[in-house]
PDB file of all heavy atoms in Angstrom:
ATOM      1  N   ALA A   1      87.835  93.461  90.049  1.00  0.00           N
ATOM      2  CA  ALA A   1      89.237  93.452  89.816  1.00  0.00           C
ATOM      3  C   ALA A   1      89.674  94.922  89.535  1.00  0.00           C
ATOM      4  O   ALA A   1      90.682  95.430  90.045  1.00  0.00           O
ATOM      5  CB  ALA A   1      89.641  92.541  88.724  1.00  0.00           C
ATOM      6  N   TYR A   2      88.943  95.663  88.671  1.00  0.00           N
ATOM      7  CA  TYR A   2      89.268  96.979  88.341  1.00  0.00           C
ATOM      8  C   TYR A   2      89.161  97.916  89.586  1.00  0.00           C
ATOM      9  O   TYR A   2      89.999  98.811  89.782  1.00  0.00           O
ATOM     10  CB  TYR A   2      88.398  97.559  87.175  1.00  0.00           C
ATOM     11  CG  TYR A   2      88.891  97.132  85.832  1.00  0.00           C
ATOM     12  CD1 TYR A   2      88.217  96.172  85.068  1.00  0.00           C
ATOM     13  CD2 TYR A   2      90.099  97.605  85.309  1.00  0.00           C
ATOM     14  CE1 TYR A   2      88.626  95.801  83.805  1.00  0.00           C
ATOM     15  CE2 TYR A   2      90.498  97.260  84.079  1.00  0.00           C
ATOM     16  CZ  TYR A   2      89.805  96.318  83.311  1.00  0.00           C
ATOM     17  OH  TYR A   2      90.282  95.966  82.055  1.00  0.00           O
ATOM     18  N   VAL A   3      88.114  97.715  90.269  1.00  0.00           N
ATOM     19  CA  VAL A   3      87.969  98.534  91.608  1.00  0.00           C
ATOM     20  C   VAL A   3      89.151  98.283  92.491  1.00  0.00           C
ATOM     21  O   VAL A   3      89.688  99.238  93.084  1.00  0.00           O
ATOM     22  CB  VAL A   3      86.611  98.204  92.262  1.00  0.00           C
ATOM     23  CG1 VAL A   3      86.560  98.824  93.633  1.00  0.00           C
ATOM     24  CG2 VAL A   3      85.476  98.675  91.391  1.00  0.00           C
ATOM     25  N   PHE A   4      89.563  97.037  92.734  1.00  0.00           N
ATOM     26  CA  PHE A   4      90.710  96.722  93.539  1.00  0.00           C
ATOM     27  C   PHE A   4      91.964  97.409  93.022  1.00  0.00           C
ATOM     28  O   PHE A   4      92.744  97.918  93.764  1.00  0.00           O
ATOM     29  CB  PHE A   4      90.840  95.284  93.656  1.00  0.00           C
ATOM     30  CG  PHE A   4      92.099  94.823  94.400  1.00  0.00           C
ATOM     31  CD1 PHE A   4      92.175  94.837  95.791  1.00  0.00           C
ATOM     32  CD2 PHE A   4      93.208  94.369  93.705  1.00  0.00           C
ATOM     33  CE1 PHE A   4      93.315  94.489  96.430  1.00  0.00           C
ATOM     34  CE2 PHE A   4      94.362  94.009  94.335  1.00  0.00           C
ATOM     35  CZ  PHE A   4      94.436  94.059  95.719  1.00  0.00           C
ATOM     36  N   LEU A   5      92.213  97.330  91.755  1.00  0.00           N
ATOM     37  CA  LEU A   5      93.366  97.891  91.126  1.00  0.00           C
ATOM     38  C   LEU A   5      93.369  99.436  91.219  1.00  0.00           C
ATOM     39  O   LEU A   5      94.485 100.039  91.481  1.00  0.00           O
ATOM     40  CB  LEU A   5      93.515  97.525  89.671  1.00  0.00           C
ATOM     41  CG  LEU A   5      93.785  95.979  89.355  1.00  0.00           C
ATOM     42  CD1 LEU A   5      93.755  95.742  87.878  1.00  0.00           C
ATOM     43  CD2 LEU A   5      95.141  95.619  89.940  1.00  0.00           C
ATOM     44  N   ILE A   6      92.243 100.069  91.092  1.00  0.00           N
ATOM     45  CA  ILE A   6      92.160 101.496  91.311  1.00  0.00           C
ATOM     46  C   ILE A   6      92.510 101.878  92.685  1.00  0.00           C
ATOM     47  O   ILE A   6      93.295 102.848  92.944  1.00  0.00           O
ATOM     48  CB  ILE A   6      90.742 101.980  90.929  1.00  0.00           C
ATOM     49  CG1 ILE A   6      90.572 101.855  89.389  1.00  0.00           C
ATOM     50  CG2 ILE A   6      90.509 103.465  91.309  1.00  0.00           C
ATOM     51  CD1 ILE A   6      89.131 102.162  88.975  1.00  0.00           C
ATOM     52  N   ILE A   7      91.962 101.143  93.685  1.00  0.00           N
ATOM     53  CA  ILE A   7      92.288 101.445  95.107  1.00  0.00           C
ATOM     54  C   ILE A   7      93.740 101.274  95.394  1.00  0.00           C
ATOM     55  O   ILE A   7      94.365 102.042  96.097  1.00  0.00           O
ATOM     56  CB  ILE A   7      91.343 100.521  96.069  1.00  0.00           C
ATOM     57  CG1 ILE A   7      89.894 100.937  95.821  1.00  0.00           C
ATOM     58  CG2 ILE A   7      91.816 100.771  97.459  1.00  0.00           C
ATOM     59  CD1 ILE A   7      88.964 100.081  96.613  1.00  0.00           C
ATOM     60  N   ALA A   8      94.272 100.126  94.907  1.00  0.00           N
ATOM     61  CA  ALA A   8      95.716  99.802  95.098  1.00  0.00           C
ATOM     62  C   ALA A   8      96.611 100.852  94.471  1.00  0.00           C
ATOM     63  O   ALA A   8      97.585 101.302  95.040  1.00  0.00           O
ATOM     64  CB  ALA A   8      96.061  98.466  94.618  1.00  0.00           C
ATOM     65  N   SER A   9      96.205 101.353  93.272  1.00  0.00           N
ATOM     66  CA  SER A   9      96.936 102.386  92.582  1.00  0.00           C
ATOM     67  C   SER A   9      96.971 103.680  93.383  1.00  0.00           C
ATOM     68  O   SER A   9      97.936 104.442  93.435  1.00  0.00           O
ATOM     69  CB  SER A   9      96.412 102.629  91.127  1.00  0.00           C
ATOM     70  OG  SER A   9      96.512 101.418  90.337  1.00  0.00           O
ATOM     71  N   PHE A  10      95.746 104.036  93.908  1.00  0.00           N
ATOM     72  CA  PHE A  10      95.669 105.235  94.727  1.00  0.00           C
ATOM     73  C   PHE A  10      96.620 105.219  95.906  1.00  0.00           C
ATOM     74  O   PHE A  10      97.323 106.190  96.173  1.00  0.00           O
ATOM     75  CB  PHE A  10      94.217 105.407  95.213  1.00  0.00           C
ATOM     76  CG  PHE A  10      94.036 106.533  96.184  1.00  0.00           C
ATOM     77  CD1 PHE A  10      93.974 107.819  95.701  1.00  0.00           C
ATOM     78  CD2 PHE A  10      93.943 106.271  97.543  1.00  0.00           C
ATOM     79  CE1 PHE A  10      93.842 108.877  96.676  1.00  0.00           C
ATOM     80  CE2 PHE A  10      93.799 107.275  98.439  1.00  0.00           C
ATOM     81  CZ  PHE A  10      93.760 108.570  97.994  1.00  0.00           C
ATOM     82  N   PHE A  11      96.639 104.079  96.677  1.00  0.00           N
ATOM     83  CA  PHE A  11      97.517 104.009  97.775  1.00  0.00           C
ATOM     84  C   PHE A  11      98.990 104.000  97.365  1.00  0.00           C
ATOM     85  O   PHE A  11      99.895 104.434  98.160  1.00  0.00           O
ATOM     86  CB  PHE A  11      97.214 102.752  98.631  1.00  0.00           C
ATOM     87  CG  PHE A  11      95.949 102.835  99.449  1.00  0.00           C
ATOM     88  CD1 PHE A  11      94.786 102.219  99.155  1.00  0.00           C
ATOM     89  CD2 PHE A  11      96.035 103.665 100.648  1.00  0.00           C
ATOM     90  CE1 PHE A  11      93.699 102.309  99.932  1.00  0.00           C
ATOM     91  CE2 PHE A  11      94.929 103.829 101.446  1.00  0.00           C
ATOM     92  CZ  PHE A  11      93.779 103.145 101.078  1.00  0.00           C
ATOM     93  N   SER A  12      99.315 103.531  96.170  1.00  0.00           N
ATOM     94  CA  SER A  12     100.702 103.527  95.664  1.00  0.00           C
ATOM     95  C   SER A  12     101.137 104.924  95.262  1.00  0.00           C
ATOM     96  O   SER A  12     102.250 105.304  95.468  1.00  0.00           O
ATOM     97  CB  SER A  12     100.833 102.566  94.522  1.00  0.00           C
ATOM     98  OG  SER A  12     100.455 101.227  94.902  1.00  0.00           O
ATOM     99  N   VAL A  13     100.249 105.712  94.652  1.00  0.00           N
ATOM    100  CA  VAL A  13     100.570 107.013  94.060  1.00  0.00           C
ATOM    101  C   VAL A  13     100.467 108.085  95.174  1.00  0.00           C
ATOM    102  O   VAL A  13     101.146 109.116  95.043  1.00  0.00           O
ATOM    103  CB  VAL A  13      99.646 107.338  92.864  1.00  0.00           C
ATOM    104  CG1 VAL A  13      99.927 108.774  92.346  1.00  0.00           C
ATOM    105  CG2 VAL A  13      99.906 106.290  91.764  1.00  0.00           C
ATOM    106  N   PHE A  14      99.645 107.851  96.196  1.00  0.00           N
ATOM    107  CA  PHE A  14      99.411 108.913  97.160  1.00  0.00           C
ATOM    108  C   PHE A  14     100.693 109.414  97.828  1.00  0.00           C
ATOM    109  O   PHE A  14     100.885 110.621  97.933  1.00  0.00           O
ATOM    110  CB  PHE A  14      98.469 108.403  98.185  1.00  0.00           C
ATOM    111  CG  PHE A  14      98.157 109.440  99.333  1.00  0.00           C
ATOM    112  CD1 PHE A  14      97.390 110.563  99.108  1.00  0.00           C
ATOM    113  CD2 PHE A  14      98.765 109.294 100.602  1.00  0.00           C
ATOM    114  CE1 PHE A  14      97.192 111.477 100.059  1.00  0.00           C
ATOM    115  CE2 PHE A  14      98.583 110.205 101.521  1.00  0.00           C
ATOM    116  CZ  PHE A  14      97.714 111.347 101.304  1.00  0.00           C
ATOM    117  N   PRO A  15     101.620 108.544  98.280  1.00  0.00           N
ATOM    118  CA  PRO A  15     102.853 109.137  98.869  1.00  0.00           C
ATOM    119  C   PRO A  15     103.607 110.072  97.893  1.00  0.00           C
ATOM    120  O   PRO A  15     104.207 111.065  98.405  1.00  0.00           O
ATOM    121  CB  PRO A  15     103.667 107.879  99.208  1.00  0.00           C
ATOM    122  CG  PRO A  15     102.642 106.762  99.366  1.00  0.00           C
ATOM    123  CD  PRO A  15     101.619 107.095  98.348  1.00  0.00           C
ATOM    124  N   LEU A  16     103.638 109.694  96.627  1.00  0.00           N
ATOM    125  CA  LEU A  16     104.306 110.538  95.621  1.00  0.00           C
ATOM    126  C   LEU A  16     103.620 111.921  95.523  1.00  0.00           C
ATOM    127  O   LEU A  16     104.229 112.927  95.447  1.00  0.00           O
ATOM    128  CB  LEU A  16     104.353 109.824  94.316  1.00  0.00           C
ATOM    129  CG  LEU A  16     105.028 110.594  93.120  1.00  0.00           C
ATOM    130  CD1 LEU A  16     106.542 110.838  93.526  1.00  0.00           C
ATOM    131  CD2 LEU A  16     104.905 109.781  91.860  1.00  0.00           C
ATOM    132  N   PHE A  17     102.237 111.858  95.485  1.00  0.00           N
ATOM    133  CA  PHE A  17     101.537 113.112  95.378  1.00  0.00           C
ATOM    134  C   PHE A  17     101.724 113.903  96.625  1.00  0.00           C
ATOM    135  O   PHE A  17     101.895 115.208  96.550  1.00  0.00           O
ATOM    136  CB  PHE A  17     100.018 112.741  95.207  1.00  0.00           C
ATOM    137  CG  PHE A  17      99.120 113.965  95.321  1.00  0.00           C
ATOM    138  CD1 PHE A  17      99.028 114.874  94.298  1.00  0.00           C
ATOM    139  CD2 PHE A  17      98.434 114.153  96.461  1.00  0.00           C
ATOM    140  CE1 PHE A  17      98.166 115.968  94.432  1.00  0.00           C
ATOM    141  CE2 PHE A  17      97.654 115.267  96.624  1.00  0.00           C
ATOM    142  CZ  PHE A  17      97.458 116.181  95.612  1.00  0.00           C
ATOM    143  N   TRP A  18     101.708 113.323  97.772  1.00  0.00           N
ATOM    144  CA  TRP A  18     101.917 114.031  99.030  1.00  0.00           C
ATOM    145  C   TRP A  18     103.271 114.672  99.155  1.00  0.00           C
ATOM    146  O   TRP A  18     103.447 115.731  99.619  1.00  0.00           O
ATOM    147  CB  TRP A  18     101.675 113.091 100.226  1.00  0.00           C
ATOM    148  CG  TRP A  18     101.796 113.736 101.581  1.00  0.00           C
ATOM    149  CD1 TRP A  18     100.906 114.567 102.152  1.00  0.00           C
ATOM    150  CD2 TRP A  18     102.865 113.699 102.428  1.00  0.00           C
ATOM    151  NE1 TRP A  18     101.317 114.983 103.393  1.00  0.00           N
ATOM    152  CE2 TRP A  18     102.566 114.505 103.629  1.00  0.00           C
ATOM    153  CE3 TRP A  18     104.129 113.075 102.401  1.00  0.00           C
ATOM    154  CZ2 TRP A  18     103.459 114.656 104.668  1.00  0.00           C
ATOM    155  CZ3 TRP A  18     105.007 113.251 103.542  1.00  0.00           C
ATOM    156  CH2 TRP A  18     104.699 114.023 104.605  1.00  0.00           C
ATOM    157  N   MET A  19     104.326 113.926  98.653  1.00  0.00           N
ATOM    158  CA  MET A  19     105.694 114.509  98.590  1.00  0.00           C
ATOM    159  C   MET A  19     105.725 115.764  97.706  1.00  0.00           C
ATOM    160  O   MET A  19     106.331 116.750  98.049  1.00  0.00           O
ATOM    161  CB  MET A  19     106.619 113.449  98.057  1.00  0.00           C
ATOM    162  CG  MET A  19     108.076 113.892  97.885  1.00  0.00           C
ATOM    163  SD  MET A  19     109.134 112.691  97.099  1.00  0.00           S
ATOM    164  CE  MET A  19     108.410 112.599  95.464  1.00  0.00           C
ATOM    165  N   ILE A  20     105.140 115.678  96.516  1.00  0.00           N
ATOM    166  CA  ILE A  20     105.210 116.779  95.596  1.00  0.00           C
ATOM    167  C   ILE A  20     104.421 117.941  96.137  1.00  0.00           C
ATOM    168  O   ILE A  20     104.845 119.133  96.069  1.00  0.00           O
ATOM    169  CB  ILE A  20     104.692 116.385  94.219  1.00  0.00           C
ATOM    170  CG1 ILE A  20     105.527 115.265  93.606  1.00  0.00           C
ATOM    171  CG2 ILE A  20     104.633 117.577  93.267  1.00  0.00           C
ATOM    172  CD1 ILE A  20     105.034 114.755  92.291  1.00  0.00           C
ATOM    173  N   SER A  21     103.248 117.717  96.650  1.00  0.00           N
ATOM    174  CA  SER A  21     102.438 118.805  97.181  1.00  0.00           C
ATOM    175  C   SER A  21     103.077 119.503  98.435  1.00  0.00           C
ATOM    176  O   SER A  21     103.056 120.646  98.576  1.00  0.00           O
ATOM    177  CB  SER A  21     100.996 118.401  97.461  1.00  0.00           C
ATOM    178  OG  SER A  21     101.060 117.338  98.569  1.00  0.00           O
ATOM    179  N   SER A  22     103.723 118.625  99.248  1.00  0.00           N
ATOM    180  CA  SER A  22     104.381 119.187 100.459  1.00  0.00           C
ATOM    181  C   SER A  22     105.543 120.024 100.075  1.00  0.00           C
ATOM    182  O   SER A  22     105.915 120.988 100.833  1.00  0.00           O
ATOM    183  CB  SER A  22     104.799 118.031 101.374  1.00  0.00           C
ATOM    184  OG  SER A  22     103.718 117.265 101.829  1.00  0.00           O
ATOM    185  N   ALA A  23     106.278 119.755  98.974  1.00  0.00           N
ATOM    186  CA  ALA A  23     107.378 120.575  98.564  1.00  0.00           C
ATOM    187  C   ALA A  23     106.985 121.884  98.096  1.00  0.00           C
ATOM    188  O   ALA A  23     107.833 122.780  97.963  1.00  0.00           O
ATOM    189  CB  ALA A  23     108.090 119.757  97.403  1.00  0.00           C
ATOM    190  N   THR A  24     105.671 122.117  97.844  1.00  0.00           N
ATOM    191  CA  THR A  24     105.217 123.440  97.420  1.00  0.00           C
ATOM    192  C   THR A  24     104.487 124.206  98.538  1.00  0.00           C
ATOM    193  O   THR A  24     103.970 125.276  98.282  1.00  0.00           O
ATOM    194  CB  THR A  24     104.206 123.277  96.201  1.00  0.00           C
ATOM    195  OG1 THR A  24     103.088 122.505  96.658  1.00  0.00           O
ATOM    196  CG2 THR A  24     104.900 122.574  95.061  1.00  0.00           C
ATOM    197  N   ASN A  25     104.507 123.638  99.736  1.00  0.00           N
ATOM    198  CA  ASN A  25     103.843 124.296 100.845  1.00  0.00           C
ATOM    199  C   ASN A  25     104.825 124.735 101.905  1.00  0.00           C
ATOM    200  O   ASN A  25     105.939 124.177 101.982  1.00  0.00           O
ATOM    201  CB  ASN A  25     102.778 123.331 101.462  1.00  0.00           C
ATOM    202  CG  ASN A  25     101.541 123.174 100.551  1.00  0.00           C
ATOM    203  OD1 ASN A  25     101.002 124.114 100.066  1.00  0.00           O
ATOM    204  ND2 ASN A  25     101.203 121.913 100.273  1.00  0.00           N
ATOM    205  N   ALA A  26     104.309 125.588 102.771  1.00  0.00           N
ATOM    206  CA  ALA A  26     105.138 126.049 103.944  1.00  0.00           C
ATOM    207  C   ALA A  26     105.136 124.929 105.001  1.00  0.00           C
ATOM    208  O   ALA A  26     104.254 124.045 104.986  1.00  0.00           O
ATOM    209  CB  ALA A  26     104.606 127.341 104.541  1.00  0.00           C
ATOM    210  N   THR A  27     106.136 124.994 105.857  1.00  0.00           N
ATOM    211  CA  THR A  27     106.204 123.942 106.894  1.00  0.00           C
ATOM    212  C   THR A  27     104.977 123.881 107.799  1.00  0.00           C
ATOM    213  O   THR A  27     104.604 122.774 108.278  1.00  0.00           O
ATOM    214  CB  THR A  27     107.449 124.155 107.750  1.00  0.00           C
ATOM    215  OG1 THR A  27     107.614 123.105 108.677  1.00  0.00           O
ATOM    216  CG2 THR A  27     107.373 125.501 108.508  1.00  0.00           C
ATOM    217  N   VAL A  28     104.290 124.974 108.045  1.00  0.00           N
ATOM    218  CA  VAL A  28     103.073 125.022 108.793  1.00  0.00           C
ATOM    219  C   VAL A  28     101.961 124.233 108.143  1.00  0.00           C
ATOM    220  O   VAL A  28     101.229 123.419 108.718  1.00  0.00           O
ATOM    221  CB  VAL A  28     102.593 126.426 109.150  1.00  0.00           C
ATOM    222  CG1 VAL A  28     101.313 126.403 109.869  1.00  0.00           C
ATOM    223  CG2 VAL A  28     103.682 127.126 109.897  1.00  0.00           C
ATOM    224  N   ASP A  29     101.831 124.384 106.821  1.00  0.00           N
ATOM    225  CA  ASP A  29     100.826 123.726 106.088  1.00  0.00           C
ATOM    226  C   ASP A  29     101.073 122.207 106.002  1.00  0.00           C
ATOM    227  O   ASP A  29     100.178 121.396 106.006  1.00  0.00           O
ATOM    228  CB  ASP A  29     100.755 124.296 104.614  1.00  0.00           C
ATOM    229  CG  ASP A  29     100.255 125.744 104.649  1.00  0.00           C
ATOM    230  OD1 ASP A  29      99.494 126.102 105.550  1.00  0.00           O
ATOM    231  OD2 ASP A  29     100.687 126.469 103.746  1.00  0.00           O
ATOM    232  N   VAL A  30     102.372 121.868 105.858  1.00  0.00           N
ATOM    233  CA  VAL A  30     102.755 120.481 105.807  1.00  0.00           C
ATOM    234  C   VAL A  30     102.393 119.785 107.106  1.00  0.00           C
ATOM    235  O   VAL A  30     101.868 118.666 107.192  1.00  0.00           O
ATOM    236  CB  VAL A  30     104.231 120.254 105.476  1.00  0.00           C
ATOM    237  CG1 VAL A  30     104.681 118.835 105.513  1.00  0.00           C
ATOM    238  CG2 VAL A  30     104.554 120.872 104.108  1.00  0.00           C
ATOM    239  N   SER A  31     102.681 120.472 108.250  1.00  0.00           N
ATOM    240  CA  SER A  31     102.400 119.924 109.570  1.00  0.00           C
ATOM    241  C   SER A  31     100.879 119.781 109.761  1.00  0.00           C
ATOM    242  O   SER A  31     100.464 118.823 110.515  1.00  0.00           O
ATOM    243  CB  SER A  31     102.949 120.842 110.644  1.00  0.00           C
ATOM    244  OG  SER A  31     104.345 121.039 110.518  1.00  0.00           O
ATOM    245  N   ARG A  32     100.141 120.617 109.174  1.00  0.00           N
ATOM    246  CA  ARG A  32      98.679 120.514 109.261  1.00  0.00           C
ATOM    247  C   ARG A  32      98.042 119.435 108.381  1.00  0.00           C
ATOM    248  O   ARG A  32      96.834 119.155 108.455  1.00  0.00           O
ATOM    249  CB  ARG A  32      98.007 121.876 108.971  1.00  0.00           C
ATOM    250  CG  ARG A  32      98.347 122.918 110.007  1.00  0.00           C
ATOM    251  CD  ARG A  32      97.765 124.286 109.584  1.00  0.00           C
ATOM    252  NE  ARG A  32      97.995 125.324 110.577  1.00  0.00           N
ATOM    253  CZ  ARG A  32      97.721 126.602 110.379  1.00  0.00           C
ATOM    254  NH1 ARG A  32      97.103 127.000 109.327  1.00  0.00           N
ATOM    255  NH2 ARG A  32      97.944 127.441 111.366  1.00  0.00           N
ATOM    256  N   GLY A  33      98.880 118.875 107.490  1.00  0.00           N
ATOM    257  CA  GLY A  33      98.355 117.860 106.576  1.00  0.00           C
ATOM    258  C   GLY A  33      97.684 118.354 105.300  1.00  0.00           C
ATOM    259  O   GLY A  33      96.818 117.725 104.729  1.00  0.00           O
ATOM    260  N   LYS A  34      98.100 119.557 104.879  1.00  0.00           N
ATOM    261  CA  LYS A  34      97.570 120.147 103.638  1.00  0.00           C
ATOM    262  C   LYS A  34      97.917 119.277 102.428  1.00  0.00           C
ATOM    263  O   LYS A  34      99.085 118.956 102.271  1.00  0.00           O
ATOM    264  CB  LYS A  34      97.986 121.567 103.433  1.00  0.00           C
ATOM    265  CG  LYS A  34      97.387 122.239 102.247  1.00  0.00           C
ATOM    266  CD  LYS A  34      97.940 123.715 102.120  1.00  0.00           C
ATOM    267  CE  LYS A  34      97.409 124.360 100.851  1.00  0.00           C
ATOM    268  NZ  LYS A  34      97.935 125.756 100.700  1.00  0.00           N
ATOM    269  N   LEU A  35      96.920 118.956 101.630  1.00  0.00           N
ATOM    270  CA  LEU A  35      97.233 118.017 100.488  1.00  0.00           C
ATOM    271  C   LEU A  35      97.195 118.783  99.156  1.00  0.00           C
ATOM    272  O   LEU A  35      97.542 118.196  98.156  1.00  0.00           O
ATOM    273  CB  LEU A  35      96.168 116.952 100.437  1.00  0.00           C
ATOM    274  CG  LEU A  35      96.283 115.939 101.594  1.00  0.00           C
ATOM    275  CD1 LEU A  35      95.172 114.921 101.449  1.00  0.00           C
ATOM    276  CD2 LEU A  35      97.605 115.322 101.701  1.00  0.00           C
ATOM    277  N   SER A  36      96.756 119.988  99.109  1.00  0.00           N
ATOM    278  CA  SER A  36      96.675 120.707  97.833  1.00  0.00           C
ATOM    279  C   SER A  36      98.077 121.456  97.596  1.00  0.00           C
ATOM    280  O   SER A  36      98.844 121.648  98.470  1.00  0.00           O
ATOM    281  CB  SER A  36      95.551 121.752  97.854  1.00  0.00           C
ATOM    282  OG  SER A  36      95.726 122.702  98.947  1.00  0.00           O
ATOM    283  N   PHE A  37      98.269 121.835  96.416  1.00  0.00           N
ATOM    284  CA  PHE A  37      99.559 122.454  96.033  1.00  0.00           C
ATOM    285  C   PHE A  37      99.514 123.924  96.560  1.00  0.00           C
ATOM    286  O   PHE A  37      98.500 124.600  96.554  1.00  0.00           O
ATOM    287  CB  PHE A  37      99.737 122.479  94.533  1.00  0.00           C
ATOM    288  CG  PHE A  37      99.977 121.072  93.957  1.00  0.00           C
ATOM    289  CD1 PHE A  37      98.945 120.330  93.401  1.00  0.00           C
ATOM    290  CD2 PHE A  37     101.240 120.521  94.015  1.00  0.00           C
ATOM    291  CE1 PHE A  37      99.212 119.066  92.913  1.00  0.00           C
ATOM    292  CE2 PHE A  37     101.482 119.266  93.478  1.00  0.00           C
ATOM    293  CZ  PHE A  37     100.460 118.489  92.949  1.00  0.00           C
ATOM    294  N   GLY A  38     100.702 124.372  96.933  1.00  0.00           N
ATOM    295  CA  GLY A  38     100.847 125.720  97.495  1.00  0.00           C
ATOM    296  C   GLY A  38     101.749 126.563  96.594  1.00  0.00           C
ATOM    297  O   GLY A  38     102.018 126.260  95.418  1.00  0.00           O
ATOM    298  N   SER A  39     102.147 127.696  97.125  1.00  0.00           N
ATOM    299  CA  SER A  39     102.957 128.681  96.438  1.00  0.00           C
ATOM    300  C   SER A  39     104.287 128.930  97.002  1.00  0.00           C
ATOM    301  O   SER A  39     104.887 129.960  96.728  1.00  0.00           O
ATOM    302  CB  SER A  39     102.192 130.051  96.280  1.00  0.00           C
ATOM    303  OG  SER A  39     101.873 130.520  97.633  1.00  0.00           O
ATOM    304  N   TYR A  40     104.787 127.941  97.757  1.00  0.00           N
ATOM    305  CA  TYR A  40     106.090 128.104  98.453  1.00  0.00           C
ATOM    306  C   TYR A  40     107.175 127.257  97.829  1.00  0.00           C
ATOM    307  O   TYR A  40     108.211 127.031  98.441  1.00  0.00           O
ATOM    308  CB  TYR A  40     105.918 127.715  99.934  1.00  0.00           C
ATOM    309  CG  TYR A  40     105.237 128.754 100.788  1.00  0.00           C
ATOM    310  CD1 TYR A  40     103.819 128.746 100.847  1.00  0.00           C
ATOM    311  CD2 TYR A  40     105.913 129.666 101.504  1.00  0.00           C
ATOM    312  CE1 TYR A  40     103.136 129.712 101.616  1.00  0.00           C
ATOM    313  CE2 TYR A  40     105.242 130.617 102.286  1.00  0.00           C
ATOM    314  CZ  TYR A  40     103.845 130.616 102.338  1.00  0.00           C
ATOM    315  OH  TYR A  40     103.188 131.541 103.078  1.00  0.00           O
TER     316      TYR A  40
END
């Protein structure tokens, strides 16, 4: 049950993380699928 909840939480939080990280990257990095935070 805990493993399932962790996986479900990851898929729920991932779009939020991707939105925040993309807001800190250049458009080229966003198009390439960069997931780490940038300096833009």
